[in-house]
Amino acid sequence: MRGRQVGFVAQNPFSALNPVLTIEKQFVNVLRAHGSTTRAEATERAATLLTSVGIHDPGRVLSGYA
């Protein structure tokens, strides 16, 4: 079940991200599943969210792997 009414908070930070997918791909998948947005808008939102929590150089982080 996916949608705007359902959320997930990972309890184990070491298994929260898939190491095979880029962090950007994982952010975009979640943002698009919870609302109608384009891939470009979701990527921009992901960068904004990373910046808001103090992550510097969000472009580098988004292109990396977990």
PDB file of N, CA and C in Angstrom:
ATOM      1  N   MET A   1       0.859  -1.178   0.000  1.00  0.00           N
ATOM      2  CA  MET A   1       0.000   0.000   0.000  1.00  0.00           C
ATOM      3  C   MET A   1       0.894   1.227   0.000  1.00  0.00           C
ATOM      4  N   ARG A   2       0.655   2.131  -0.930  1.00  0.00           N
ATOM      5  CA  ARG A   2       1.442   3.357  -1.012  1.00  0.00           C
ATOM      6  C   ARG A   2       0.508   4.535  -1.207  1.00  0.00           C
ATOM      7  N   GLY A   3       0.931   5.678  -0.748  1.00  0.00           N
ATOM      8  CA  GLY A   3       0.114   6.865  -0.942  1.00  0.00           C
ATOM      9  C   GLY A   3       0.422   7.937   0.059  1.00  0.00           C
ATOM     10  N   ARG A   4      -0.393   8.960   0.060  1.00  0.00           N
ATOM     11  CA  ARG A   4      -0.149  10.104   0.944  1.00  0.00           C
ATOM     12  C   ARG A   4      -0.472   9.817   2.407  1.00  0.00           C
ATOM     13  N   GLN A   5      -1.336   8.853   2.674  1.00  0.00           N
ATOM     14  CA  GLN A   5      -1.735   8.573   4.052  1.00  0.00           C
ATOM     15  C   GLN A   5      -0.811   7.586   4.760  1.00  0.00           C
ATOM     16  N   VAL A   6       0.123   6.991   4.045  1.00  0.00           N
ATOM     17  CA  VAL A   6       0.982   5.973   4.635  1.00  0.00           C
ATOM     18  C   VAL A   6       2.414   6.492   4.661  1.00  0.00           C
ATOM     19  N   GLY A   7       3.089   6.286   5.782  1.00  0.00           N
ATOM     20  CA  GLY A   7       4.478   6.693   5.904  1.00  0.00           C
ATOM     21  C   GLY A   7       5.305   5.564   6.472  1.00  0.00           C
ATOM     22  N   PHE A   8       6.613   5.698   6.358  1.00  0.00           N
ATOM     23  CA  PHE A   8       7.513   4.672   6.862  1.00  0.00           C
ATOM     24  C   PHE A   8       8.720   5.344   7.495  1.00  0.00           C
ATOM     25  N   VAL A   9       9.046   4.933   8.694  1.00  0.00           N
ATOM     26  CA  VAL A   9      10.245   5.426   9.370  1.00  0.00           C
ATOM     27  C   VAL A   9      11.110   4.209   9.663  1.00  0.00           C
ATOM     28  N   ALA A  10      12.261   4.141   9.008  1.00  0.00           N
ATOM     29  CA  ALA A  10      13.161   2.998   9.201  1.00  0.00           C
ATOM     30  C   ALA A  10      13.719   3.008  10.615  1.00  0.00           C
ATOM     31  N   GLN A  11      13.765   1.864  11.230  1.00  0.00           N
ATOM     32  CA  GLN A  11      14.266   1.752  12.592  1.00  0.00           C
ATOM     33  C   GLN A  11      15.758   1.429  12.626  1.00  0.00           C
ATOM     34  N   ASN A  12      16.288   0.906  11.535  1.00  0.00           N
ATOM     35  CA  ASN A  12      17.701   0.561  11.459  1.00  0.00           C
ATOM     36  C   ASN A  12      18.356   1.452  10.407  1.00  0.00           C
ATOM     37  N   PRO A  13      19.112   2.463  10.804  1.00  0.00           N
ATOM     38  CA  PRO A  13      19.688   3.388   9.822  1.00  0.00           C
ATOM     39  C   PRO A  13      20.668   2.731   8.860  1.00  0.00           C
ATOM     40  N   PHE A  14      21.222   1.585   9.208  1.00  0.00           N
ATOM     41  CA  PHE A  14      22.180   0.922   8.331  1.00  0.00           C
ATOM     42  C   PHE A  14      21.505   0.168   7.191  1.00  0.00           C
ATOM     43  N   SER A  15      20.199  -0.071   7.304  1.00  0.00           N
ATOM     44  CA  SER A  15      19.491  -0.768   6.232  1.00  0.00           C
ATOM     45  C   SER A  15      18.402   0.103   5.618  1.00  0.00           C
ATOM     46  N   ALA A  16      18.424   1.394   5.904  1.00  0.00           N
ATOM     47  CA  ALA A  16      17.376   2.290   5.424  1.00  0.00           C
ATOM     48  C   ALA A  16      17.489   2.576   3.928  1.00  0.00           C
ATOM     49  N   LEU A  17      18.699   2.587   3.381  1.00  0.00           N
ATOM     50  CA  LEU A  17      18.896   2.889   1.967  1.00  0.00           C
ATOM     51  C   LEU A  17      19.447   1.668   1.236  1.00  0.00           C
ATOM     52  N   ASN A  18      19.034   1.518  -0.013  1.00  0.00           N
ATOM     53  CA  ASN A  18      19.499   0.430  -0.845  1.00  0.00           C
ATOM     54  C   ASN A  18      20.862   0.812  -1.435  1.00  0.00           C
ATOM     55  N   PRO A  19      21.912   0.043  -1.185  1.00  0.00           N
ATOM     56  CA  PRO A  19      23.243   0.416  -1.663  1.00  0.00           C
ATOM     57  C   PRO A  19      23.427   0.275  -3.174  1.00  0.00           C
ATOM     58  N   VAL A  20      22.466  -0.320  -3.864  1.00  0.00           N
ATOM     59  CA  VAL A  20      22.560  -0.521  -5.312  1.00  0.00           C
ATOM     60  C   VAL A  20      22.010   0.681  -6.082  1.00  0.00           C
ATOM     61  N   LEU A  21      21.131   1.453  -5.453  1.00  0.00           N
ATOM     62  CA  LEU A  21      20.501   2.614  -6.091  1.00  0.00           C
ATOM     63  C   LEU A  21      21.124   3.902  -5.578  1.00  0.00           C
ATOM     64  N   THR A  22      21.179   4.924  -6.446  1.00  0.00           N
ATOM     65  CA  THR A  22      21.678   6.216  -5.982  1.00  0.00           C
ATOM     66  C   THR A  22      20.709   6.787  -4.950  1.00  0.00           C
ATOM     67  N   ILE A  23      21.207   7.658  -4.130  1.00  0.00           N
ATOM     68  CA  ILE A  23      20.359   8.300  -3.126  1.00  0.00           C
ATOM     69  C   ILE A  23      19.290   9.125  -3.826  1.00  0.00           C
ATOM     70  N   GLU A  24      19.642   9.768  -4.938  1.00  0.00           N
ATOM     71  CA  GLU A  24      18.659  10.538  -5.707  1.00  0.00           C
ATOM     72  C   GLU A  24      17.499   9.660  -6.160  1.00  0.00           C
ATOM     73  N   LYS A  25      17.806   8.494  -6.704  1.00  0.00           N
ATOM     74  CA  LYS A  25      16.763   7.584  -7.189  1.00  0.00           C
ATOM     75  C   LYS A  25      15.822   7.191  -6.046  1.00  0.00           C
ATOM     76  N   GLN A  26      16.374   6.955  -4.873  1.00  0.00           N
ATOM     77  CA  GLN A  26      15.556   6.555  -3.734  1.00  0.00           C
ATOM     78  C   GLN A  26      14.675   7.703  -3.245  1.00  0.00           C
ATOM     79  N   PHE A  27      15.228   8.912  -3.186  1.00  0.00           N
ATOM     80  CA  PHE A  27      14.437  10.090  -2.812  1.00  0.00           C
ATOM     81  C   PHE A  27      13.311  10.307  -3.815  1.00  0.00           C
ATOM     82  N   VAL A  28      13.666  10.286  -5.096  1.00  0.00           N
ATOM     83  CA  VAL A  28      12.681  10.544  -6.156  1.00  0.00           C
ATOM     84  C   VAL A  28      11.560   9.510  -6.112  1.00  0.00           C
ATOM     85  N   ASN A  29      11.899   8.237  -5.925  1.00  0.00           N
ATOM     86  CA  ASN A  29      10.867   7.196  -5.847  1.00  0.00           C
ATOM     87  C   ASN A  29       9.863   7.485  -4.740  1.00  0.00           C
ATOM     88  N   VAL A  30      10.357   7.869  -3.574  1.00  0.00           N
ATOM     89  CA  VAL A  30       9.469   8.146  -2.432  1.00  0.00           C
ATOM     90  C   VAL A  30       8.630   9.399  -2.690  1.00  0.00           C
ATOM     91  N   LEU A  31       9.269  10.468  -3.151  1.00  0.00           N
ATOM     92  CA  LEU A  31       8.538  11.713  -3.386  1.00  0.00           C
ATOM     93  C   LEU A  31       7.474  11.546  -4.466  1.00  0.00           C
ATOM     94  N   ARG A  32       7.769  10.794  -5.511  1.00  0.00           N
ATOM     95  CA  ARG A  32       6.791  10.594  -6.582  1.00  0.00           C
ATOM     96  C   ARG A  32       5.673   9.652  -6.139  1.00  0.00           C
ATOM     97  N   ALA A  33       5.968   8.701  -5.256  1.00  0.00           N
ATOM     98  CA  ALA A  33       4.941   7.779  -4.769  1.00  0.00           C
ATOM     99  C   ALA A  33       3.927   8.487  -3.870  1.00  0.00           C
ATOM    100  N   HIS A  34       4.359   9.551  -3.215  1.00  0.00           N
ATOM    101  CA  HIS A  34       3.495  10.262  -2.275  1.00  0.00           C
ATOM    102  C   HIS A  34       2.893  11.536  -2.845  1.00  0.00           C
ATOM    103  N   GLY A  35       3.003  11.754  -4.123  1.00  0.00           N
ATOM    104  CA  GLY A  35       2.403  12.930  -4.727  1.00  0.00           C
ATOM    105  C   GLY A  35       2.707  12.971  -6.210  1.00  0.00           C
ATOM    106  N   SER A  36       1.886  13.676  -6.941  1.00  0.00           N
ATOM    107  CA  SER A  36       2.132  13.772  -8.376  1.00  0.00           C
ATOM    108  C   SER A  36       3.127  14.899  -8.633  1.00  0.00           C
ATOM    109  N   THR A  37       4.317  14.521  -9.030  1.00  0.00           N
ATOM    110  CA  THR A  37       5.388  15.463  -9.297  1.00  0.00           C
ATOM    111  C   THR A  37       6.269  14.903 -10.400  1.00  0.00           C
ATOM    112  N   THR A  38       6.965  15.764 -11.084  1.00  0.00           N
ATOM    113  CA  THR A  38       7.885  15.299 -12.118  1.00  0.00           C
ATOM    114  C   THR A  38       9.190  14.843 -11.465  1.00  0.00           C
ATOM    115  N   ARG A  39       9.986  14.143 -12.235  1.00  0.00           N
ATOM    116  CA  ARG A  39      11.281  13.692 -11.728  1.00  0.00           C
ATOM    117  C   ARG A  39      12.169  14.889 -11.381  1.00  0.00           C
ATOM    118  N   ALA A  40      12.145  15.916 -12.223  1.00  0.00           N
ATOM    119  CA  ALA A  40      12.962  17.111 -11.978  1.00  0.00           C
ATOM    120  C   ALA A  40      12.521  17.830 -10.704  1.00  0.00           C
ATOM    121  N   GLU A  41      11.211  17.947 -10.500  1.00  0.00           N
ATOM    122  CA  GLU A  41      10.703  18.594  -9.274  1.00  0.00           C
ATOM    123  C   GLU A  41      11.068  17.785  -8.043  1.00  0.00           C
ATOM    124  N   ALA A  42      10.992  16.468  -8.143  1.00  0.00           N
ATOM    125  CA  ALA A  42      11.329  15.610  -7.006  1.00  0.00           C
ATOM    126  C   ALA A  42      12.819  15.711  -6.681  1.00  0.00           C
ATOM    127  N   THR A  43      13.660  15.789  -7.701  1.00  0.00           N
ATOM    128  CA  THR A  43      15.102  15.927  -7.482  1.00  0.00           C
ATOM    129  C   THR A  43      15.417  17.261  -6.811  1.00  0.00           C
ATOM    130  N   GLU A  44      14.774  18.314  -7.265  1.00  0.00           N
ATOM    131  CA  GLU A  44      14.978  19.628  -6.648  1.00  0.00           C
ATOM    132  C   GLU A  44      14.502  19.630  -5.197  1.00  0.00           C
ATOM    133  N   ARG A  45      13.374  19.000  -4.948  1.00  0.00           N
ATOM    134  CA  ARG A  45      12.837  18.912  -3.579  1.00  0.00           C
ATOM    135  C   ARG A  45      13.784  18.117  -2.684  1.00  0.00           C
ATOM    136  N   ALA A  46      14.353  17.040  -3.219  1.00  0.00           N
ATOM    137  CA  ALA A  46      15.308  16.232  -2.457  1.00  0.00           C
ATOM    138  C   ALA A  46      16.517  17.065  -2.064  1.00  0.00           C
ATOM    139  N   ALA A  47      17.034  17.856  -3.000  1.00  0.00           N
ATOM    140  CA  ALA A  47      18.181  18.721  -2.704  1.00  0.00           C
ATOM    141  C   ALA A  47      17.822  19.751  -1.635  1.00  0.00           C
ATOM    142  N   THR A  48      16.632  20.310  -1.731  1.00  0.00           N
ATOM    143  CA  THR A  48      16.165  21.287  -0.736  1.00  0.00           C
ATOM    144  C   THR A  48      16.058  20.640   0.638  1.00  0.00           C
ATOM    145  N   LEU A  49      15.521  19.430   0.699  1.00  0.00           N
ATOM    146  CA  LEU A  49      15.377  18.730   1.974  1.00  0.00           C
ATOM    147  C   LEU A  49      16.739  18.427   2.596  1.00  0.00           C
ATOM    148  N   LEU A  50      17.686  17.984   1.780  1.00  0.00           N
ATOM    149  CA  LEU A  50      19.028  17.709   2.312  1.00  0.00           C
ATOM    150  C   LEU A  50      19.676  18.979   2.855  1.00  0.00           C
ATOM    151  N   THR A  51      19.523  20.085   2.142  1.00  0.00           N
ATOM    152  CA  THR A  51      20.070  21.362   2.601  1.00  0.00           C
ATOM    153  C   THR A  51      19.418  21.792   3.909  1.00  0.00           C
ATOM    154  N   SER A  52      18.114  21.584   4.030  1.00  0.00           N
ATOM    155  CA  SER A  52      17.385  22.015   5.234  1.00  0.00           C
ATOM    156  C   SER A  52      17.813  21.270   6.495  1.00  0.00           C
ATOM    157  N   VAL A  53      18.387  20.078   6.334  1.00  0.00           N
ATOM    158  CA  VAL A  53      18.858  19.335   7.508  1.00  0.00           C
ATOM    159  C   VAL A  53      20.367  19.426   7.685  1.00  0.00           C
ATOM    160  N   GLY A  54      20.997  20.368   6.947  1.00  0.00           N
ATOM    161  CA  GLY A  54      22.412  20.637   7.157  1.00  0.00           C
ATOM    162  C   GLY A  54      23.369  19.814   6.317  1.00  0.00           C
ATOM    163  N   ILE A  55      22.878  19.152   5.286  1.00  0.00           N
ATOM    164  CA  ILE A  55      23.755  18.388   4.391  1.00  0.00           C
ATOM    165  C   ILE A  55      24.313  19.351   3.349  1.00  0.00           C
ATOM    166  N   HIS A  56      25.627  19.487   3.307  1.00  0.00           N
ATOM    167  CA  HIS A  56      26.271  20.380   2.352  1.00  0.00           C
ATOM    168  C   HIS A  56      26.502  19.650   1.033  1.00  0.00           C
ATOM    169  N   ASP A  57      26.454  20.389  -0.059  1.00  0.00           N
ATOM    170  CA  ASP A  57      26.651  19.866  -1.408  1.00  0.00           C
ATOM    171  C   ASP A  57      25.664  18.734  -1.713  1.00  0.00           C
ATOM    172  N   PRO A  58      24.359  19.037  -1.704  1.00  0.00           N
ATOM    173  CA  PRO A  58      23.359  17.996  -1.927  1.00  0.00           C
ATOM    174  C   PRO A  58      23.473  17.317  -3.288  1.00  0.00           C
ATOM    175  N   GLY A  59      23.982  18.005  -4.300  1.00  0.00           N
ATOM    176  CA  GLY A  59      24.161  17.384  -5.607  1.00  0.00           C
ATOM    177  C   GLY A  59      25.117  16.202  -5.559  1.00  0.00           C
ATOM    178  N   ARG A  60      26.209  16.373  -4.818  1.00  0.00           N
ATOM    179  CA  ARG A  60      27.186  15.287  -4.651  1.00  0.00           C
ATOM    180  C   ARG A  60      26.576  14.131  -3.880  1.00  0.00           C
ATOM    181  N   VAL A  61      25.841  14.451  -2.815  1.00  0.00           N
ATOM    182  CA  VAL A  61      25.227  13.419  -1.990  1.00  0.00           C
ATOM    183  C   VAL A  61      24.184  12.644  -2.791  1.00  0.00           C
ATOM    184  N   LEU A  62      23.348  13.349  -3.539  1.00  0.00           N
ATOM    185  CA  LEU A  62      22.295  12.695  -4.316  1.00  0.00           C
ATOM    186  C   LEU A  62      22.865  11.760  -5.384  1.00  0.00           C
ATOM    187  N   SER A  63      24.011  12.089  -5.919  1.00  0.00           N
ATOM    188  CA  SER A  63      24.588  11.237  -6.964  1.00  0.00           C
ATOM    189  C   SER A  63      25.359  10.054  -6.403  1.00  0.00           C
ATOM    190  N   GLY A  64      25.499  10.006  -5.093  1.00  0.00           N
ATOM    191  CA  GLY A  64      26.242   8.917  -4.454  1.00  0.00           C
ATOM    192  C   GLY A  64      25.361   7.716  -4.119  1.00  0.00           C
ATOM    193  N   TYR A  65      26.003   6.720  -3.573  1.00  0.00           N
ATOM    194  CA  TYR A  65      25.334   5.487  -3.148  1.00  0.00           C
ATOM    195  C   TYR A  65      25.434   5.353  -1.642  1.00  0.00           C
ATOM    196  N   ALA A  66      24.499   4.613  -1.055  1.00  0.00           N
ATOM    197  CA  ALA A  66      24.479   4.441   0.400  1.00  0.00           C
ATOM    198  C   ALA A  66      25.588   3.537   0.874  1.00  0.00           C
TER     199      ALA A  66
END
